[in-house]
Amino acid sequence: VHLSDPRHRLGALISHHARLMTEESQLFAVFFDSRPRLDESYERAILSKERRYVRIYAEAVQAAVEGGHIPEMDPRYGAQAILGMTTWSYKWFDPQRDDREALVDAYVRLILRGPVPGADVSGVATGR
């Protein structure tokens, strides 16, 4: 996988996040549904990490826009749209009914208007 290629990088980010949300849906249900009650120090730490995460996506969106892979848009809006769409999966995804890989493929195809071979890269969002 060529993470220097903007299309592959964005596809890998989308795939990574979608898999994470569907593989750990119970964890994220507890996290998102309990978050308003977190101690202030925890909230600050999480907010800092969230901002970094969104920044990584915004940079990938900007590169994909510049490469002509997605329409022109505010990179932050694009990042938030992708994260919102893929994150919401924790609410409704059912591994007994739904096909994780078909969902991941649908997200990638929807955003990048086609498949991205090799977009499965673990740890791409964290730089690992």
C-alpha atoms as a PDB file:
ATOM      1  CA  VAL A   1       0.000   0.000   0.000  1.00  0.00           C
ATOM      2  CA  HIS A   2       1.287   3.402  -0.925  1.00  0.00           C
ATOM      3  CA  LEU A   3       0.318   5.739   1.912  1.00  0.00           C
ATOM      4  CA  SER A   4       2.075   8.577   0.117  1.00  0.00           C
ATOM      5  CA  ASP A   5      -0.659   8.296  -2.526  1.00  0.00           C
ATOM      6  CA  PRO A   6      -3.553  10.518  -1.346  1.00  0.00           C
ATOM      7  CA  ARG A   7      -6.258   8.153  -2.595  1.00  0.00           C
ATOM      8  CA  HIS A   8      -4.730   5.141  -0.873  1.00  0.00           C
ATOM      9  CA  ARG A   9      -4.130   7.079   2.337  1.00  0.00           C
ATOM     10  CA  LEU A  10      -7.722   8.306   2.560  1.00  0.00           C
ATOM     11  CA  GLY A  11      -9.023   4.838   1.659  1.00  0.00           C
ATOM     12  CA  ALA A  12      -6.861   3.302   4.385  1.00  0.00           C
ATOM     13  CA  LEU A  13      -8.085   5.833   6.943  1.00  0.00           C
ATOM     14  CA  ILE A  14     -11.726   5.193   6.031  1.00  0.00           C
ATOM     15  CA  SER A  15     -11.211   1.419   6.180  1.00  0.00           C
ATOM     16  CA  HIS A  16      -9.362   1.587   9.476  1.00  0.00           C
ATOM     17  CA  HIS A  17     -11.987   3.696  11.215  1.00  0.00           C
ATOM     18  CA  ALA A  18     -14.940   1.740   9.834  1.00  0.00           C
ATOM     19  CA  ARG A  19     -13.425  -1.552  10.957  1.00  0.00           C
ATOM     20  CA  LEU A  20     -12.600  -0.150  14.380  1.00  0.00           C
ATOM     21  CA  MET A  21     -16.163   1.102  14.906  1.00  0.00           C
ATOM     22  CA  THR A  22     -17.711  -2.203  13.841  1.00  0.00           C
ATOM     23  CA  GLU A  23     -15.245  -4.500  15.598  1.00  0.00           C
ATOM     24  CA  GLU A  24     -15.507  -2.617  18.895  1.00  0.00           C
ATOM     25  CA  SER A  25     -19.085  -1.357  18.673  1.00  0.00           C
ATOM     26  CA  GLN A  26     -19.946  -2.220  22.294  1.00  0.00           C
ATOM     27  CA  LEU A  27     -16.885  -0.352  23.572  1.00  0.00           C
ATOM     28  CA  PHE A  28     -17.782   2.730  21.538  1.00  0.00           C
ATOM     29  CA  ALA A  29     -21.413   2.558  22.629  1.00  0.00           C
ATOM     30  CA  VAL A  30     -20.278   2.784  26.247  1.00  0.00           C
ATOM     31  CA  PHE A  31     -17.698   5.482  25.459  1.00  0.00           C
ATOM     32  CA  PHE A  32     -19.943   7.764  23.413  1.00  0.00           C
ATOM     33  CA  ASP A  33     -23.026   7.248  25.541  1.00  0.00           C
ATOM     34  CA  SER A  34     -21.152   7.819  28.841  1.00  0.00           C
ATOM     35  CA  ARG A  35     -18.830  10.584  27.736  1.00  0.00           C
ATOM     36  CA  PRO A  36     -20.895  13.529  28.992  1.00  0.00           C
ATOM     37  CA  ARG A  37     -20.286  12.246  32.525  1.00  0.00           C
ATOM     38  CA  LEU A  38     -16.468  12.046  32.298  1.00  0.00           C
ATOM     39  CA  ASP A  39     -14.250  13.926  34.705  1.00  0.00           C
ATOM     40  CA  GLU A  40     -12.959  17.218  33.261  1.00  0.00           C
ATOM     41  CA  SER A  41      -9.317  16.053  33.127  1.00  0.00           C
ATOM     42  CA  TYR A  42     -10.297  12.990  31.090  1.00  0.00           C
ATOM     43  CA  GLU A  43     -12.429  15.135  28.812  1.00  0.00           C
ATOM     44  CA  ARG A  44      -9.493  17.482  28.087  1.00  0.00           C
ATOM     45  CA  ALA A  45      -7.204  14.563  27.253  1.00  0.00           C
ATOM     46  CA  ILE A  46      -9.785  12.976  24.959  1.00  0.00           C
ATOM     47  CA  LEU A  47     -10.529  16.289  23.243  1.00  0.00           C
ATOM     48  CA  SER A  48      -6.840  16.791  22.485  1.00  0.00           C
ATOM     49  CA  LYS A  49      -6.620  13.325  20.914  1.00  0.00           C
ATOM     50  CA  GLU A  50      -9.830  13.871  18.976  1.00  0.00           C
ATOM     51  CA  ARG A  51      -8.471  17.097  17.512  1.00  0.00           C
ATOM     52  CA  ARG A  52      -5.309  15.297  16.396  1.00  0.00           C
ATOM     53  CA  TYR A  53      -7.374  12.503  14.853  1.00  0.00           C
ATOM     54  CA  VAL A  54      -9.566  14.962  12.941  1.00  0.00           C
ATOM     55  CA  ARG A  55      -6.447  16.830  11.793  1.00  0.00           C
ATOM     56  CA  ILE A  56      -5.022  13.594  10.335  1.00  0.00           C
ATOM     57  CA  TYR A  57      -8.250  13.058   8.409  1.00  0.00           C
ATOM     58  CA  ALA A  58      -8.426  16.710   7.309  1.00  0.00           C
ATOM     59  CA  GLU A  59      -4.882  16.481   5.928  1.00  0.00           C
ATOM     60  CA  ALA A  60      -5.810  13.312   4.044  1.00  0.00           C
ATOM     61  CA  VAL A  61      -8.970  14.951   2.684  1.00  0.00           C
ATOM     62  CA  GLN A  62      -6.988  17.995   1.557  1.00  0.00           C
ATOM     63  CA  ALA A  63      -4.445  15.787  -0.222  1.00  0.00           C
ATOM     64  CA  ALA A  64      -7.254  13.811  -1.890  1.00  0.00           C
ATOM     65  CA  VAL A  65      -8.880  17.076  -3.033  1.00  0.00           C
ATOM     66  CA  GLU A  66      -5.569  18.328  -4.405  1.00  0.00           C
ATOM     67  CA  GLY A  67      -5.059  14.999  -6.179  1.00  0.00           C
ATOM     68  CA  GLY A  68      -8.483  15.235  -7.799  1.00  0.00           C
ATOM     69  CA  HIS A  69      -9.765  12.130  -6.021  1.00  0.00           C
ATOM     70  CA  ILE A  70     -12.683  13.829  -4.275  1.00  0.00           C
ATOM     71  CA  PRO A  71     -14.556  17.083  -4.937  1.00  0.00           C
ATOM     72  CA  GLU A  72     -13.213  20.342  -3.576  1.00  0.00           C
ATOM     73  CA  MET A  73     -14.374  21.043  -0.023  1.00  0.00           C
ATOM     74  CA  ASP A  74     -13.264  22.425   3.295  1.00  0.00           C
ATOM     75  CA  PRO A  75     -10.942  19.660   4.583  1.00  0.00           C
ATOM     76  CA  ARG A  76     -12.366  19.845   8.095  1.00  0.00           C
ATOM     77  CA  TYR A  77     -15.905  19.421   6.769  1.00  0.00           C
ATOM     78  CA  GLY A  78     -14.812  16.435   4.714  1.00  0.00           C
ATOM     79  CA  ALA A  79     -13.003  14.908   7.692  1.00  0.00           C
ATOM     80  CA  GLN A  80     -16.001  15.381   9.978  1.00  0.00           C
ATOM     81  CA  ALA A  81     -18.363  13.950   7.343  1.00  0.00           C
ATOM     82  CA  ILE A  82     -16.229  10.828   6.922  1.00  0.00           C
ATOM     83  CA  LEU A  83     -15.788  10.366  10.650  1.00  0.00           C
ATOM     84  CA  GLY A  84     -19.478  10.966  11.319  1.00  0.00           C
ATOM     85  CA  MET A  85     -20.579   8.458   8.715  1.00  0.00           C
ATOM     86  CA  THR A  86     -18.140   5.744   9.744  1.00  0.00           C
ATOM     87  CA  THR A  87     -18.475   6.329  13.481  1.00  0.00           C
ATOM     88  CA  TRP A  88     -22.257   6.052  13.438  1.00  0.00           C
ATOM     89  CA  SER A  89     -21.824   2.389  12.459  1.00  0.00           C
ATOM     90  CA  TYR A  90     -21.327   1.488  16.122  1.00  0.00           C
ATOM     91  CA  LYS A  91     -25.032   2.283  16.643  1.00  0.00           C
ATOM     92  CA  TRP A  92     -26.491  -0.061  14.071  1.00  0.00           C
ATOM     93  CA  PHE A  93     -23.887  -2.537  12.817  1.00  0.00           C
ATOM     94  CA  ASP A  94     -24.776  -6.118  13.745  1.00  0.00           C
ATOM     95  CA  PRO A  95     -22.092  -8.715  12.906  1.00  0.00           C
ATOM     96  CA  GLN A  96     -24.780 -11.417  12.840  1.00  0.00           C
ATOM     97  CA  ARG A  97     -26.671  -9.586  10.107  1.00  0.00           C
ATOM     98  CA  ASP A  98     -24.166  -7.253   8.438  1.00  0.00           C
ATOM     99  CA  ASP A  99     -21.019  -7.944   6.441  1.00  0.00           C
ATOM    100  CA  ARG A 100     -18.163  -5.825   7.839  1.00  0.00           C
ATOM    101  CA  GLU A 101     -16.047  -5.950   4.681  1.00  0.00           C
ATOM    102  CA  ALA A 102     -19.008  -5.076   2.454  1.00  0.00           C
ATOM    103  CA  LEU A 103     -19.709  -2.061   4.682  1.00  0.00           C
ATOM    104  CA  VAL A 104     -16.069  -0.948   4.627  1.00  0.00           C
ATOM    105  CA  ASP A 105     -16.042  -1.323   0.851  1.00  0.00           C
ATOM    106  CA  ALA A 106     -19.274   0.684   0.575  1.00  0.00           C
ATOM    107  CA  TYR A 107     -17.797   3.554   2.607  1.00  0.00           C
ATOM    108  CA  VAL A 108     -14.613   3.631   0.535  1.00  0.00           C
ATOM    109  CA  ARG A 109     -16.521   3.423  -2.753  1.00  0.00           C
ATOM    110  CA  LEU A 110     -18.978   6.113  -1.699  1.00  0.00           C
ATOM    111  CA  ILE A 111     -16.280   8.586  -0.743  1.00  0.00           C
ATOM    112  CA  LEU A 112     -13.629   7.744  -3.330  1.00  0.00           C
ATOM    113  CA  ARG A 113     -16.040   6.756  -6.130  1.00  0.00           C
ATOM    114  CA  GLY A 114     -14.597   3.294  -6.515  1.00  0.00           C
ATOM    115  CA  PRO A 115     -12.516   0.646  -4.792  1.00  0.00           C
ATOM    116  CA  VAL A 116      -9.052   1.303  -3.424  1.00  0.00           C
ATOM    117  CA  PRO A 117      -7.031  -1.915  -3.607  1.00  0.00           C
ATOM    118  CA  GLY A 118      -4.973  -2.481  -0.482  1.00  0.00           C
ATOM    119  CA  ALA A 119      -6.784   0.129   1.613  1.00  0.00           C
ATOM    120  CA  ASP A 120      -6.653  -2.161   4.666  1.00  0.00           C
ATOM    121  CA  VAL A 121      -3.837  -0.731   6.751  1.00  0.00           C
ATOM    122  CA  SER A 122      -3.924  -1.214  10.511  1.00  0.00           C
ATOM    123  CA  GLY A 123      -2.635   1.694  12.540  1.00  0.00           C
ATOM    124  CA  VAL A 124      -2.617   4.188   9.664  1.00  0.00           C
ATOM    125  CA  ALA A 125      -4.540   6.794  11.665  1.00  0.00           C
ATOM    126  CA  THR A 126      -2.108   6.688  14.530  1.00  0.00           C
ATOM    127  CA  GLY A 127       0.980   6.592  12.387  1.00  0.00           C
ATOM    128  CA  ARG A 128       2.024   3.146  13.636  1.00  0.00           C
END
